[in-house]
Amino acid sequence: MNKDQKYKDVTEQIMAVTAGEDNKIACMATICCLLSEALDDFFWTGFYLVDEDKADELVIGPYQGSLGCLRIAYGRGVCGTAAATGQTQLVDNVHDFPGHIACDSRSVSEIVVPIFDRAQKLIAVLDVDSERPVNFDEIDRYYLEQITRDVFARCTLASD
């Protein structure tokens, strides 16, 4: 099965399982689990949440994989850059990324998707790492942005 079809299948699963769920942490845990099970090259899949008590800092949330960094400042590394810019970061080789944070030295490529609430306030980032260089592409960007946008639009609407 090709990557596009895997994403279509896992997107359908994620939307079905999270239907009616308005708890963001439950949705994040489900997304991590299903993505990491469906896509073979996902070495680390997880969320960093905006820490409401510390300005401009992300804190580890639900994830699948080896130990992640506990905190990441905005603007630092791939996750911090996604948080600071509000734009998805697609990195072919993290060792070439200025200010990369090596939470696990086995990670080589990475994609980080910022997640916003209904008011367009950043609430978290989805971080996916691979041990392979150039593992992520526009297919990954498209589906990961779609999944997070659709799931968290429901969560933030329900919790407003």
N, C-alpha and C. Protein backbone atom coordinates (compact mmCIF):
# COMPACT_ATOMS: atom_id res chain seq x y z
N MET A 1 0.85 -1.18 0.00
CA MET A 1 0.00 0.00 0.00
C MET A 1 0.90 1.24 0.00
N ASN A 2 0.58 2.21 -0.84
CA ASN A 2 1.41 3.41 -0.91
C ASN A 2 1.08 4.37 0.24
N LYS A 3 1.92 5.38 0.40
CA LYS A 3 1.78 6.32 1.51
C LYS A 3 0.44 7.05 1.47
N ASP A 4 0.02 7.48 0.31
CA ASP A 4 -1.24 8.20 0.18
C ASP A 4 -2.40 7.35 0.70
N GLN A 5 -2.43 6.08 0.32
CA GLN A 5 -3.51 5.19 0.76
C GLN A 5 -3.43 4.92 2.27
N LYS A 6 -2.20 4.78 2.79
CA LYS A 6 -2.05 4.60 4.24
C LYS A 6 -2.62 5.80 4.98
N TYR A 7 -2.33 7.00 4.49
CA TYR A 7 -2.86 8.20 5.12
C TYR A 7 -4.39 8.27 5.02
N LYS A 8 -4.94 7.91 3.87
CA LYS A 8 -6.39 7.91 3.73
C LYS A 8 -7.03 6.98 4.75
N ASP A 9 -6.46 5.79 4.89
CA ASP A 9 -6.99 4.81 5.84
C ASP A 9 -6.87 5.29 7.28
N VAL A 10 -5.69 5.79 7.66
CA VAL A 10 -5.50 6.22 9.05
C VAL A 10 -6.30 7.48 9.35
N THR A 11 -6.48 8.35 8.37
CA THR A 11 -7.31 9.53 8.57
C THR A 11 -8.74 9.11 8.89
N GLU A 12 -9.25 8.17 8.14
CA GLU A 12 -10.60 7.65 8.39
C GLU A 12 -10.70 7.06 9.80
N GLN A 13 -9.69 6.30 10.21
CA GLN A 13 -9.69 5.71 11.55
C GLN A 13 -9.67 6.80 12.62
N ILE A 14 -8.78 7.77 12.46
CA ILE A 14 -8.66 8.85 13.45
C ILE A 14 -9.97 9.62 13.58
N MET A 15 -10.57 9.95 12.45
CA MET A 15 -11.82 10.71 12.50
C MET A 15 -12.93 9.89 13.15
N ALA A 16 -12.97 8.60 12.90
CA ALA A 16 -14.01 7.76 13.49
C ALA A 16 -13.81 7.61 15.01
N VAL A 17 -12.58 7.36 15.42
CA VAL A 17 -12.31 7.14 16.85
C VAL A 17 -12.48 8.41 17.66
N THR A 18 -12.11 9.56 17.09
CA THR A 18 -12.20 10.82 17.85
C THR A 18 -13.55 11.52 17.70
N ALA A 19 -14.44 10.98 16.89
CA ALA A 19 -15.77 11.59 16.71
C ALA A 19 -16.45 11.70 18.07
N GLY A 20 -16.90 12.88 18.40
CA GLY A 20 -17.60 13.10 19.66
C GLY A 20 -16.69 13.33 20.86
N GLU A 21 -15.39 13.21 20.67
CA GLU A 21 -14.45 13.42 21.78
C GLU A 21 -14.00 14.88 21.79
N ASP A 22 -14.16 15.55 22.93
CA ASP A 22 -13.76 16.95 22.98
C ASP A 22 -12.55 17.19 23.88
N ASN A 23 -11.97 16.12 24.43
CA ASN A 23 -10.78 16.28 25.26
C ASN A 23 -9.55 16.27 24.35
N LYS A 24 -8.81 17.36 24.37
CA LYS A 24 -7.65 17.51 23.47
C LYS A 24 -6.58 16.44 23.73
N ILE A 25 -6.34 16.12 25.00
CA ILE A 25 -5.31 15.13 25.32
C ILE A 25 -5.70 13.75 24.79
N ALA A 26 -6.97 13.39 24.94
CA ALA A 26 -7.44 12.10 24.42
C ALA A 26 -7.28 12.05 22.90
N CYS A 27 -7.60 13.16 22.24
CA CYS A 27 -7.45 13.21 20.78
C CYS A 27 -5.97 13.12 20.39
N MET A 28 -5.11 13.82 21.11
CA MET A 28 -3.68 13.78 20.81
C MET A 28 -3.12 12.36 21.00
N ALA A 29 -3.47 11.71 22.07
CA ALA A 29 -2.98 10.35 22.34
C ALA A 29 -3.44 9.40 21.24
N THR A 30 -4.67 9.54 20.81
CA THR A 30 -5.22 8.68 19.76
C THR A 30 -4.50 8.92 18.43
N ILE A 31 -4.29 10.18 18.09
CA ILE A 31 -3.59 10.51 16.85
C ILE A 31 -2.19 9.92 16.86
N CYS A 32 -1.46 10.09 17.95
CA CYS A 32 -0.09 9.54 18.06
C CYS A 32 -0.09 8.04 17.85
N CYS A 33 -0.97 7.37 18.55
CA CYS A 33 -1.02 5.91 18.48
C CYS A 33 -1.32 5.44 17.06
N LEU A 34 -2.38 5.96 16.47
CA LEU A 34 -2.78 5.48 15.15
C LEU A 34 -1.78 5.84 14.06
N LEU A 35 -1.22 7.04 14.12
CA LEU A 35 -0.21 7.41 13.12
C LEU A 35 1.04 6.53 13.23
N SER A 36 1.51 6.34 14.45
CA SER A 36 2.74 5.56 14.61
C SER A 36 2.54 4.09 14.23
N GLU A 37 1.34 3.59 14.40
CA GLU A 37 1.04 2.21 13.99
C GLU A 37 0.89 2.08 12.48
N ALA A 38 0.35 3.11 11.83
CA ALA A 38 0.03 3.02 10.40
C ALA A 38 1.22 3.31 9.49
N LEU A 39 2.13 4.17 9.94
CA LEU A 39 3.21 4.61 9.06
C LEU A 39 4.55 4.11 9.59
N ASP A 40 5.14 3.19 8.87
CA ASP A 40 6.32 2.46 9.31
C ASP A 40 7.52 3.32 9.64
N ASP A 41 7.71 4.41 8.93
CA ASP A 41 8.90 5.23 9.10
C ASP A 41 8.75 6.32 10.15
N PHE A 42 7.68 6.28 10.93
CA PHE A 42 7.50 7.25 12.01
C PHE A 42 8.23 6.72 13.24
N PHE A 43 9.40 7.27 13.50
CA PHE A 43 10.23 6.85 14.63
C PHE A 43 9.72 7.45 15.94
N TRP A 44 9.28 8.69 15.89
CA TRP A 44 8.76 9.39 17.08
C TRP A 44 7.58 10.24 16.62
N THR A 45 6.46 10.10 17.30
CA THR A 45 5.25 10.83 16.95
C THR A 45 4.67 11.40 18.23
N GLY A 46 4.55 12.72 18.30
CA GLY A 46 4.01 13.28 19.53
C GLY A 46 3.65 14.75 19.43
N PHE A 47 3.13 15.23 20.54
CA PHE A 47 2.68 16.61 20.64
C PHE A 47 3.48 17.34 21.70
N TYR A 48 3.76 18.59 21.40
CA TYR A 48 4.26 19.53 22.39
C TYR A 48 3.16 20.57 22.55
N LEU A 49 2.73 20.80 23.79
CA LEU A 49 1.65 21.73 24.09
C LEU A 49 2.19 23.08 24.51
N VAL A 50 1.46 24.12 24.16
CA VAL A 50 1.81 25.44 24.64
C VAL A 50 1.63 25.44 26.15
N ASP A 51 2.66 25.85 26.88
CA ASP A 51 2.58 25.92 28.34
C ASP A 51 1.96 27.27 28.71
N GLU A 52 0.77 27.23 29.22
CA GLU A 52 0.04 28.47 29.55
C GLU A 52 0.71 29.24 30.69
N ASP A 53 1.54 28.55 31.51
CA ASP A 53 2.19 29.19 32.65
C ASP A 53 3.56 29.78 32.32
N LYS A 54 4.12 29.42 31.17
CA LYS A 54 5.44 29.91 30.78
C LYS A 54 5.35 30.45 29.37
N ALA A 55 5.50 31.72 29.24
CA ALA A 55 5.38 32.37 27.92
C ALA A 55 6.40 31.81 26.94
N ASP A 56 5.95 31.56 25.74
CA ASP A 56 6.83 31.14 24.65
C ASP A 56 7.59 29.85 24.93
N GLU A 57 6.88 28.87 25.50
CA GLU A 57 7.52 27.58 25.76
C GLU A 57 6.53 26.45 25.50
N LEU A 58 7.05 25.38 24.92
CA LEU A 58 6.27 24.17 24.69
C LEU A 58 6.66 23.14 25.74
N VAL A 59 5.69 22.30 26.14
CA VAL A 59 5.94 21.23 27.09
C VAL A 59 5.45 19.91 26.47
N ILE A 60 6.14 18.84 26.76
CA ILE A 60 5.82 17.54 26.17
C ILE A 60 4.38 17.14 26.48
N GLY A 61 3.75 16.56 25.50
CA GLY A 61 2.40 16.03 25.64
C GLY A 61 2.40 14.56 25.27
N PRO A 62 1.26 14.02 24.86
CA PRO A 62 1.19 12.61 24.48
C PRO A 62 2.13 12.30 23.32
N TYR A 63 2.78 11.13 23.40
CA TYR A 63 3.67 10.73 22.30
C TYR A 63 3.88 9.23 22.28
N GLN A 64 4.40 8.75 21.15
CA GLN A 64 4.81 7.36 20.95
C GLN A 64 6.26 7.41 20.51
N GLY A 65 7.13 6.67 21.18
CA GLY A 65 8.53 6.63 20.79
C GLY A 65 9.44 6.75 21.99
N SER A 66 10.70 7.01 21.71
CA SER A 66 11.69 7.15 22.77
C SER A 66 11.46 8.46 23.54
N LEU A 67 12.21 8.65 24.60
CA LEU A 67 12.07 9.83 25.44
C LEU A 67 12.19 11.10 24.61
N GLY A 68 11.25 12.01 24.80
CA GLY A 68 11.28 13.30 24.11
C GLY A 68 11.82 14.38 25.03
N CYS A 69 12.15 15.50 24.44
CA CYS A 69 12.54 16.67 25.24
C CYS A 69 11.34 17.09 26.08
N LEU A 70 11.58 17.50 27.30
CA LEU A 70 10.47 17.90 28.16
C LEU A 70 9.94 19.28 27.81
N ARG A 71 10.84 20.21 27.50
CA ARG A 71 10.44 21.58 27.18
C ARG A 71 11.26 22.10 26.00
N ILE A 72 10.60 22.92 25.19
CA ILE A 72 11.26 23.53 24.03
C ILE A 72 10.81 25.00 23.96
N ALA A 73 11.77 25.90 23.90
CA ALA A 73 11.45 27.33 23.78
C ALA A 73 11.04 27.65 22.34
N TYR A 74 10.11 28.59 22.19
CA TYR A 74 9.75 29.07 20.87
C TYR A 74 11.01 29.54 20.16
N GLY A 75 11.12 29.21 18.89
CA GLY A 75 12.26 29.64 18.09
C GLY A 75 13.45 28.70 18.18
N ARG A 76 13.39 27.70 19.05
CA ARG A 76 14.52 26.79 19.23
C ARG A 76 14.21 25.44 18.59
N GLY A 77 15.08 24.98 17.71
CA GLY A 77 14.88 23.71 17.04
C GLY A 77 13.70 23.76 16.07
N VAL A 78 13.34 22.58 15.55
CA VAL A 78 12.28 22.50 14.55
C VAL A 78 10.92 22.79 15.19
N CYS A 79 10.66 22.21 16.36
CA CYS A 79 9.37 22.44 17.04
C CYS A 79 9.21 23.90 17.45
N GLY A 80 10.25 24.46 18.03
CA GLY A 80 10.20 25.86 18.44
C GLY A 80 10.05 26.81 17.28
N THR A 81 10.63 26.47 16.13
CA THR A 81 10.49 27.28 14.93
C THR A 81 9.05 27.22 14.41
N ALA A 82 8.46 26.02 14.41
CA ALA A 82 7.06 25.89 13.99
C ALA A 82 6.15 26.70 14.92
N ALA A 83 6.43 26.67 16.22
CA ALA A 83 5.64 27.44 17.18
C ALA A 83 5.80 28.94 16.95
N ALA A 84 7.01 29.37 16.72
CA ALA A 84 7.29 30.81 16.56
C ALA A 84 6.74 31.36 15.25
N THR A 85 6.80 30.56 14.18
CA THR A 85 6.38 31.05 12.86
C THR A 85 4.92 30.72 12.54
N GLY A 86 4.38 29.71 13.22
CA GLY A 86 3.03 29.27 12.90
C GLY A 86 2.94 28.53 11.58
N GLN A 87 4.09 28.05 11.09
CA GLN A 87 4.13 27.35 9.80
C GLN A 87 4.71 25.95 9.97
N THR A 88 4.19 25.02 9.18
CA THR A 88 4.70 23.66 9.17
C THR A 88 6.16 23.67 8.75
N GLN A 89 6.96 22.91 9.47
CA GLN A 89 8.39 22.76 9.16
C GLN A 89 8.63 21.36 8.62
N LEU A 90 9.20 21.27 7.44
CA LEU A 90 9.51 20.02 6.77
C LEU A 90 11.02 19.98 6.59
N VAL A 91 11.70 19.10 7.33
CA VAL A 91 13.17 19.12 7.38
C VAL A 91 13.71 17.77 6.91
N ASP A 92 14.50 17.80 5.83
CA ASP A 92 15.07 16.58 5.26
C ASP A 92 16.16 15.97 6.14
N ASN A 93 16.97 16.82 6.76
CA ASN A 93 18.05 16.35 7.64
C ASN A 93 18.19 17.34 8.80
N VAL A 94 17.75 16.92 9.97
CA VAL A 94 17.74 17.82 11.12
C VAL A 94 19.14 18.27 11.52
N HIS A 95 20.15 17.50 11.15
CA HIS A 95 21.53 17.87 11.51
C HIS A 95 21.99 19.12 10.74
N ASP A 96 21.27 19.46 9.67
CA ASP A 96 21.56 20.67 8.90
C ASP A 96 20.67 21.84 9.32
N PHE A 97 19.75 21.60 10.25
CA PHE A 97 18.81 22.65 10.68
C PHE A 97 19.45 23.49 11.78
N PRO A 98 19.53 24.80 11.59
CA PRO A 98 20.16 25.67 12.61
C PRO A 98 19.44 25.56 13.96
N GLY A 99 20.20 25.29 15.01
CA GLY A 99 19.64 25.21 16.35
C GLY A 99 18.88 23.94 16.65
N HIS A 100 19.08 22.89 15.83
CA HIS A 100 18.37 21.63 16.06
C HIS A 100 18.64 21.11 17.47
N ILE A 101 17.60 20.60 18.11
CA ILE A 101 17.70 20.00 19.44
C ILE A 101 17.69 18.49 19.27
N ALA A 102 18.72 17.84 19.74
CA ALA A 102 18.83 16.39 19.59
C ALA A 102 18.22 15.68 20.80
N CYS A 103 16.90 15.55 20.81
CA CYS A 103 16.24 14.80 21.88
C CYS A 103 16.62 13.33 21.78
N ASP A 104 16.74 12.82 20.56
CA ASP A 104 17.20 11.46 20.30
C ASP A 104 18.07 11.52 19.05
N SER A 105 19.32 11.17 19.19
CA SER A 105 20.29 11.31 18.09
C SER A 105 19.96 10.45 16.88
N ARG A 106 19.04 9.50 17.03
CA ARG A 106 18.67 8.65 15.89
C ARG A 106 17.75 9.36 14.90
N SER A 107 17.12 10.44 15.32
CA SER A 107 16.23 11.18 14.42
C SER A 107 17.05 11.87 13.33
N VAL A 108 16.56 11.76 12.09
CA VAL A 108 17.27 12.39 10.98
C VAL A 108 16.37 13.39 10.26
N SER A 109 15.16 12.99 9.88
CA SER A 109 14.25 13.94 9.24
C SER A 109 13.05 14.17 10.14
N GLU A 110 12.34 15.30 9.90
CA GLU A 110 11.29 15.70 10.83
C GLU A 110 10.26 16.57 10.12
N ILE A 111 9.02 16.44 10.57
CA ILE A 111 7.97 17.35 10.16
C ILE A 111 7.25 17.80 11.43
N VAL A 112 6.98 19.10 11.52
CA VAL A 112 6.30 19.66 12.69
C VAL A 112 5.16 20.55 12.19
N VAL A 113 3.95 20.25 12.67
CA VAL A 113 2.74 20.95 12.25
C VAL A 113 2.18 21.74 13.43
N PRO A 114 2.06 23.07 13.30
CA PRO A 114 1.44 23.86 14.37
C PRO A 114 -0.08 23.63 14.39
N ILE A 115 -0.64 23.67 15.59
CA ILE A 115 -2.08 23.43 15.76
C ILE A 115 -2.69 24.64 16.45
N PHE A 116 -3.78 25.13 15.89
CA PHE A 116 -4.42 26.35 16.38
C PHE A 116 -5.84 26.06 16.84
N ASP A 117 -6.31 26.86 17.80
CA ASP A 117 -7.70 26.76 18.21
C ASP A 117 -8.57 27.60 17.26
N ARG A 118 -9.84 27.69 17.57
CA ARG A 118 -10.78 28.40 16.70
C ARG A 118 -10.44 29.87 16.55
N ALA A 119 -9.82 30.46 17.58
CA ALA A 119 -9.42 31.86 17.53
C ALA A 119 -8.04 32.06 16.90
N GLN A 120 -7.49 31.00 16.31
CA GLN A 120 -6.17 31.00 15.67
C GLN A 120 -5.04 31.23 16.67
N LYS A 121 -5.25 30.81 17.90
CA LYS A 121 -4.21 30.83 18.92
C LYS A 121 -3.51 29.47 18.92
N LEU A 122 -2.18 29.47 18.92
CA LEU A 122 -1.43 28.22 18.93
C LEU A 122 -1.73 27.46 20.22
N ILE A 123 -2.05 26.16 20.09
CA ILE A 123 -2.29 25.33 21.27
C ILE A 123 -1.26 24.22 21.41
N ALA A 124 -0.62 23.83 20.29
CA ALA A 124 0.33 22.71 20.32
C ALA A 124 1.02 22.60 18.97
N VAL A 125 1.99 21.71 18.90
CA VAL A 125 2.56 21.30 17.62
C VAL A 125 2.60 19.77 17.59
N LEU A 126 2.38 19.22 16.41
CA LEU A 126 2.55 17.78 16.18
C LEU A 126 3.94 17.60 15.60
N ASP A 127 4.73 16.75 16.24
CA ASP A 127 6.12 16.51 15.84
C ASP A 127 6.26 15.05 15.42
N VAL A 128 6.76 14.82 14.21
CA VAL A 128 7.01 13.46 13.74
C VAL A 128 8.45 13.39 13.25
N ASP A 129 9.19 12.40 13.77
CA ASP A 129 10.59 12.19 13.40
C ASP A 129 10.76 10.85 12.69
N SER A 130 11.78 10.77 11.87
CA SER A 130 12.14 9.53 11.19
C SER A 130 13.65 9.31 11.31
N GLU A 131 14.04 8.06 11.32
CA GLU A 131 15.46 7.73 11.31
C GLU A 131 16.05 7.84 9.90
N ARG A 132 15.21 8.02 8.91
CA ARG A 132 15.65 8.12 7.51
C ARG A 132 15.72 9.57 7.07
N PRO A 133 16.73 9.94 6.29
CA PRO A 133 16.76 11.29 5.73
C PRO A 133 15.68 11.42 4.65
N VAL A 134 15.21 12.63 4.44
CA VAL A 134 14.25 12.96 3.39
C VAL A 134 13.03 12.02 3.44
N ASN A 135 12.54 11.76 4.64
CA ASN A 135 11.42 10.83 4.79
C ASN A 135 10.07 11.49 4.57
N PHE A 136 9.99 12.80 4.80
CA PHE A 136 8.71 13.49 4.74
C PHE A 136 8.61 14.37 3.50
N ASP A 137 7.38 14.49 2.99
CA ASP A 137 7.16 15.26 1.77
C ASP A 137 5.81 15.97 1.84
N GLU A 138 5.36 16.47 0.72
CA GLU A 138 4.10 17.22 0.67
C GLU A 138 2.89 16.34 0.97
N ILE A 139 2.98 15.04 0.74
CA ILE A 139 1.89 14.13 1.11
C ILE A 139 1.74 14.13 2.63
N ASP A 140 2.87 14.01 3.34
CA ASP A 140 2.83 14.06 4.80
C ASP A 140 2.26 15.39 5.29
N ARG A 141 2.76 16.47 4.72
CA ARG A 141 2.28 17.81 5.11
C ARG A 141 0.77 17.90 4.94
N TYR A 142 0.29 17.52 3.77
CA TYR A 142 -1.13 17.61 3.47
C TYR A 142 -1.97 16.86 4.50
N TYR A 143 -1.66 15.60 4.71
CA TYR A 143 -2.49 14.78 5.60
C TYR A 143 -2.34 15.16 7.07
N LEU A 144 -1.13 15.44 7.52
CA LEU A 144 -0.95 15.81 8.92
C LEU A 144 -1.63 17.14 9.23
N GLU A 145 -1.54 18.09 8.31
CA GLU A 145 -2.25 19.35 8.50
C GLU A 145 -3.76 19.14 8.50
N GLN A 146 -4.25 18.30 7.60
CA GLN A 146 -5.68 18.02 7.51
C GLN A 146 -6.19 17.33 8.77
N ILE A 147 -5.48 16.31 9.20
CA ILE A 147 -5.91 15.55 10.39
C ILE A 147 -5.98 16.47 11.60
N THR A 148 -4.91 17.21 11.86
CA THR A 148 -4.90 18.06 13.05
C THR A 148 -5.94 19.18 12.94
N ARG A 149 -6.07 19.78 11.79
CA ARG A 149 -7.06 20.85 11.61
C ARG A 149 -8.47 20.32 11.88
N ASP A 150 -8.81 19.18 11.31
CA ASP A 150 -10.16 18.65 11.43
C ASP A 150 -10.46 18.17 12.85
N VAL A 151 -9.53 17.44 13.45
CA VAL A 151 -9.77 16.93 14.81
C VAL A 151 -9.84 18.06 15.81
N PHE A 152 -8.90 19.00 15.76
CA PHE A 152 -8.85 20.03 16.79
C PHE A 152 -9.88 21.13 16.55
N ALA A 153 -10.41 21.26 15.36
CA ALA A 153 -11.54 22.17 15.15
C ALA A 153 -12.74 21.65 15.93
N ARG A 154 -12.94 20.35 15.95
CA ARG A 154 -14.03 19.76 16.72
C ARG A 154 -13.78 19.91 18.21
N CYS A 155 -12.56 19.65 18.65
CA CYS A 155 -12.23 19.73 20.09
C CYS A 155 -12.40 21.15 20.61
N THR A 156 -11.87 22.13 19.88
CA THR A 156 -11.95 23.50 20.38
C THR A 156 -13.37 24.03 20.30
N LEU A 157 -14.15 23.59 19.33
CA LEU A 157 -15.54 24.01 19.28
C LEU A 157 -16.31 23.46 20.46
N ALA A 158 -16.04 22.21 20.81
CA ALA A 158 -16.76 21.57 21.91
C ALA A 158 -16.36 22.15 23.26
N SER A 159 -15.12 22.60 23.39
CA SER A 159 -14.65 23.08 24.70
C SER A 159 -14.80 24.58 24.88
N ASP A 160 -15.25 25.30 23.84
CA ASP A 160 -15.46 26.77 23.97
C ASP A 160 -16.69 27.07 24.81
